[in-house]
Amino acid sequence: MPDPRRNPISTGILVLAPAEAPEKWAVRSSDESPAVEAHWGEWVRLAKRILDADALSRDLEGRGDAWDLGHAAGAADASGTDTANPFR
């Protein structure tokens, strides 16, 4: 029985599959596109960085929304004027 850990992983547009070297995995966007090869741990670190960037983006968007809601409720700065949203 073949090792299931060596089966390709498809996420729709990208396919992560075992490379020629047994310790590396290759990502390609289509059959004719060139593959980008790296060790499994490098792909995991890349995915972690993408998730961290997404979390930061969502956090900033949430702060911007909270700022907008506060001003919509009538909050103003100490001088009584509106201040530009620093999160947008």
N, C-alpha and C. Protein backbone atom coordinates (compact mmCIF):
# COMPACT_ATOMS: atom_id res chain seq x y z
N MET A 1 0.84 -1.17 0.00
CA MET A 1 0.00 0.00 0.00
C MET A 1 0.89 1.24 0.00
N PRO A 2 0.60 2.22 -0.89
CA PRO A 2 1.43 3.43 -0.94
C PRO A 2 1.27 4.29 0.32
N ASP A 3 2.30 5.04 0.62
CA ASP A 3 2.30 5.91 1.79
C ASP A 3 1.32 7.07 1.56
N PRO A 4 0.24 7.20 2.35
CA PRO A 4 -0.74 8.26 2.12
C PRO A 4 -0.18 9.66 2.36
N ARG A 5 0.93 9.76 3.10
CA ARG A 5 1.53 11.07 3.32
C ARG A 5 2.16 11.63 2.05
N ARG A 6 2.32 10.80 1.03
CA ARG A 6 2.92 11.26 -0.22
C ARG A 6 1.87 11.57 -1.28
N ASN A 7 0.60 11.57 -0.92
CA ASN A 7 -0.47 11.91 -1.87
C ASN A 7 -0.50 13.41 -2.12
N PRO A 8 -0.82 13.84 -3.33
CA PRO A 8 -0.93 15.27 -3.61
C PRO A 8 -2.05 15.92 -2.78
N ILE A 9 -1.85 17.19 -2.44
CA ILE A 9 -2.84 17.97 -1.71
C ILE A 9 -3.29 19.09 -2.64
N SER A 10 -4.57 19.13 -2.96
CA SER A 10 -5.09 20.14 -3.86
C SER A 10 -5.96 21.13 -3.10
N THR A 11 -5.71 22.42 -3.33
CA THR A 11 -6.52 23.46 -2.70
C THR A 11 -7.27 24.25 -3.76
N GLY A 12 -7.60 23.62 -4.84
CA GLY A 12 -8.28 24.31 -5.93
C GLY A 12 -7.28 24.70 -6.99
N ILE A 13 -6.76 25.92 -6.91
CA ILE A 13 -5.85 26.40 -7.93
C ILE A 13 -4.43 25.90 -7.74
N LEU A 14 -4.03 25.62 -6.51
CA LEU A 14 -2.68 25.14 -6.21
C LEU A 14 -2.69 23.66 -5.86
N VAL A 15 -1.64 22.97 -6.31
CA VAL A 15 -1.48 21.55 -5.99
C VAL A 15 -0.12 21.36 -5.35
N LEU A 16 -0.11 20.80 -4.17
CA LEU A 16 1.12 20.49 -3.44
C LEU A 16 1.33 18.98 -3.56
N ALA A 17 2.42 18.59 -4.21
CA ALA A 17 2.68 17.17 -4.46
C ALA A 17 4.14 16.85 -4.17
N PRO A 18 4.45 15.59 -3.93
CA PRO A 18 5.84 15.21 -3.69
C PRO A 18 6.72 15.57 -4.90
N ALA A 19 7.91 16.04 -4.62
CA ALA A 19 8.86 16.38 -5.68
C ALA A 19 9.72 15.16 -6.00
N GLU A 20 10.65 15.35 -6.92
CA GLU A 20 11.57 14.27 -7.27
C GLU A 20 12.40 13.84 -6.05
N ALA A 21 12.91 14.84 -5.32
CA ALA A 21 13.66 14.54 -4.09
C ALA A 21 12.67 14.13 -3.01
N PRO A 22 12.91 13.03 -2.32
CA PRO A 22 11.92 12.54 -1.36
C PRO A 22 11.64 13.48 -0.19
N GLU A 23 12.57 14.37 0.13
CA GLU A 23 12.35 15.25 1.28
C GLU A 23 11.68 16.57 0.90
N LYS A 24 11.40 16.77 -0.38
CA LYS A 24 10.81 18.04 -0.82
C LYS A 24 9.41 17.85 -1.40
N TRP A 25 8.65 18.95 -1.38
CA TRP A 25 7.32 19.01 -1.96
C TRP A 25 7.31 20.14 -2.98
N ALA A 26 6.52 19.98 -4.03
CA ALA A 26 6.45 20.97 -5.10
C ALA A 26 5.04 21.54 -5.19
N VAL A 27 4.97 22.84 -5.43
CA VAL A 27 3.68 23.51 -5.63
C VAL A 27 3.64 24.01 -7.06
N ARG A 28 2.52 23.77 -7.71
CA ARG A 28 2.30 24.33 -9.05
C ARG A 28 0.84 24.72 -9.19
N SER A 29 0.60 25.69 -10.05
CA SER A 29 -0.76 26.17 -10.25
C SER A 29 -1.46 25.50 -11.41
N SER A 30 -0.70 24.85 -12.27
CA SER A 30 -1.28 24.07 -13.36
C SER A 30 -0.25 23.05 -13.81
N ASP A 31 -0.68 22.11 -14.65
CA ASP A 31 0.23 21.04 -15.08
C ASP A 31 1.42 21.57 -15.87
N GLU A 32 1.22 22.62 -16.65
CA GLU A 32 2.31 23.13 -17.50
C GLU A 32 3.16 24.20 -16.81
N SER A 33 2.75 24.68 -15.64
CA SER A 33 3.53 25.71 -14.96
C SER A 33 4.73 25.08 -14.24
N PRO A 34 5.80 25.86 -14.08
CA PRO A 34 6.96 25.32 -13.36
C PRO A 34 6.64 25.13 -11.88
N ALA A 35 7.26 24.14 -11.29
CA ALA A 35 7.02 23.83 -9.88
C ALA A 35 7.99 24.61 -9.00
N VAL A 36 7.53 24.98 -7.83
CA VAL A 36 8.37 25.59 -6.81
C VAL A 36 8.54 24.53 -5.73
N GLU A 37 9.80 24.14 -5.48
CA GLU A 37 10.07 23.06 -4.53
C GLU A 37 10.63 23.60 -3.22
N ALA A 38 10.24 22.98 -2.12
CA ALA A 38 10.77 23.34 -0.80
C ALA A 38 10.50 22.18 0.15
N HIS A 39 11.19 22.20 1.29
CA HIS A 39 10.94 21.20 2.32
C HIS A 39 9.57 21.45 2.95
N TRP A 40 9.00 20.43 3.53
CA TRP A 40 7.68 20.53 4.13
C TRP A 40 7.62 21.64 5.18
N GLY A 41 8.63 21.74 6.03
CA GLY A 41 8.66 22.77 7.07
C GLY A 41 8.63 24.18 6.50
N GLU A 42 9.26 24.38 5.34
CA GLU A 42 9.23 25.70 4.70
C GLU A 42 7.83 26.05 4.23
N TRP A 43 7.09 25.06 3.72
CA TRP A 43 5.70 25.31 3.31
C TRP A 43 4.84 25.63 4.52
N VAL A 44 5.11 24.95 5.63
CA VAL A 44 4.34 25.22 6.86
C VAL A 44 4.63 26.63 7.36
N ARG A 45 5.91 27.06 7.33
CA ARG A 45 6.25 28.42 7.75
C ARG A 45 5.60 29.46 6.83
N LEU A 46 5.56 29.21 5.53
CA LEU A 46 4.89 30.12 4.60
C LEU A 46 3.41 30.23 4.92
N ALA A 47 2.76 29.10 5.16
CA ALA A 47 1.33 29.11 5.50
C ALA A 47 1.10 29.89 6.79
N LYS A 48 1.98 29.74 7.77
CA LYS A 48 1.87 30.46 9.04
C LYS A 48 1.98 31.97 8.83
N ARG A 49 2.92 32.38 7.97
CA ARG A 49 3.09 33.81 7.68
C ARG A 49 1.86 34.36 6.98
N ILE A 50 1.26 33.59 6.08
CA ILE A 50 0.05 34.03 5.40
C ILE A 50 -1.09 34.18 6.39
N LEU A 51 -1.24 33.21 7.29
CA LEU A 51 -2.28 33.30 8.31
C LEU A 51 -2.06 34.48 9.25
N ASP A 52 -0.80 34.76 9.62
CA ASP A 52 -0.51 35.90 10.48
C ASP A 52 -0.84 37.22 9.79
N ALA A 53 -0.50 37.34 8.50
CA ALA A 53 -0.82 38.55 7.74
C ALA A 53 -2.33 38.73 7.63
N ASP A 54 -3.05 37.63 7.42
CA ASP A 54 -4.51 37.70 7.34
C ASP A 54 -5.10 38.13 8.68
N ALA A 55 -4.57 37.61 9.78
CA ALA A 55 -5.07 37.98 11.11
C ALA A 55 -4.82 39.46 11.38
N LEU A 56 -3.66 39.98 10.98
CA LEU A 56 -3.35 41.39 11.17
C LEU A 56 -4.31 42.25 10.34
N SER A 57 -4.55 41.86 9.12
CA SER A 57 -5.47 42.60 8.26
C SER A 57 -6.87 42.62 8.85
N ARG A 58 -7.34 41.47 9.34
CA ARG A 58 -8.67 41.41 9.95
C ARG A 58 -8.74 42.25 11.23
N ASP A 59 -7.64 42.27 12.01
CA ASP A 59 -7.61 43.07 13.22
C ASP A 59 -7.70 44.55 12.90
N LEU A 60 -6.92 45.01 11.90
CA LEU A 60 -6.97 46.41 11.52
C LEU A 60 -8.33 46.79 10.96
N GLU A 61 -8.93 45.91 10.20
CA GLU A 61 -10.28 46.16 9.67
C GLU A 61 -11.29 46.28 10.82
N GLY A 62 -11.16 45.41 11.81
CA GLY A 62 -12.05 45.47 12.97
C GLY A 62 -11.88 46.76 13.75
N ARG A 63 -10.63 47.22 13.90
CA ARG A 63 -10.39 48.48 14.61
C ARG A 63 -10.97 49.65 13.83
N GLY A 64 -10.82 49.61 12.51
CA GLY A 64 -11.39 50.67 11.68
C GLY A 64 -12.90 50.70 11.78
N ASP A 65 -13.51 49.52 11.79
CA ASP A 65 -14.97 49.44 11.94
C ASP A 65 -15.41 49.99 13.31
N ALA A 66 -14.66 49.64 14.36
CA ALA A 66 -14.99 50.13 15.70
C ALA A 66 -14.86 51.66 15.75
N TRP A 67 -13.84 52.20 15.11
CA TRP A 67 -13.66 53.66 15.05
C TRP A 67 -14.86 54.30 14.36
N ASP A 68 -15.24 53.74 13.21
CA ASP A 68 -16.38 54.28 12.47
C ASP A 68 -17.66 54.21 13.29
N LEU A 69 -17.88 53.13 13.99
CA LEU A 69 -19.08 52.99 14.82
C LEU A 69 -19.09 54.00 15.96
N GLY A 70 -17.93 54.27 16.55
CA GLY A 70 -17.84 55.25 17.63
C GLY A 70 -18.19 56.64 17.13
N HIS A 71 -17.69 57.02 15.97
CA HIS A 71 -17.98 58.35 15.41
C HIS A 71 -19.42 58.43 14.93
N ALA A 72 -19.96 57.33 14.45
CA ALA A 72 -21.35 57.33 14.02
C ALA A 72 -22.28 57.51 15.22
N ALA A 73 -21.82 57.11 16.40
CA ALA A 73 -22.64 57.24 17.60
C ALA A 73 -22.50 58.63 18.23
N GLY A 74 -21.71 59.51 17.60
CA GLY A 74 -21.59 60.88 18.10
C GLY A 74 -20.31 61.17 18.83
N ALA A 75 -19.39 60.24 18.86
CA ALA A 75 -18.13 60.49 19.55
C ALA A 75 -17.27 61.42 18.71
N ALA A 76 -16.61 62.35 19.33
CA ALA A 76 -15.69 63.26 18.63
C ALA A 76 -14.46 63.42 19.51
N ASP A 77 -13.42 63.99 18.93
CA ASP A 77 -12.21 64.16 19.74
C ASP A 77 -12.37 65.34 20.70
N ALA A 78 -11.35 65.64 21.49
CA ALA A 78 -11.44 66.65 22.55
C ALA A 78 -11.74 68.04 22.00
N SER A 79 -11.30 68.33 20.77
CA SER A 79 -11.54 69.66 20.20
C SER A 79 -12.94 69.80 19.61
N GLY A 80 -13.70 68.69 19.59
CA GLY A 80 -15.05 68.74 19.07
C GLY A 80 -15.15 68.54 17.57
N THR A 81 -14.03 68.25 16.92
CA THR A 81 -14.04 68.00 15.47
C THR A 81 -13.79 66.54 15.21
N ASP A 82 -14.16 66.12 14.04
CA ASP A 82 -13.89 64.73 13.65
C ASP A 82 -12.43 64.57 13.30
N THR A 83 -11.88 63.44 13.70
CA THR A 83 -10.51 63.08 13.37
C THR A 83 -10.54 61.98 12.33
N ALA A 84 -9.63 62.04 11.39
CA ALA A 84 -9.58 61.00 10.35
C ALA A 84 -9.33 59.64 11.00
N ASN A 85 -9.94 58.64 10.45
CA ASN A 85 -9.78 57.27 10.95
C ASN A 85 -8.35 56.80 10.70
N PRO A 86 -7.54 56.58 11.73
CA PRO A 86 -6.15 56.15 11.51
C PRO A 86 -6.02 54.70 11.05
N PHE A 87 -7.09 53.94 11.08
CA PHE A 87 -7.02 52.54 10.69
C PHE A 87 -7.43 52.33 9.23
N ARG A 88 -7.72 53.39 8.51
CA ARG A 88 -8.13 53.28 7.10
C ARG A 88 -7.14 53.98 6.22
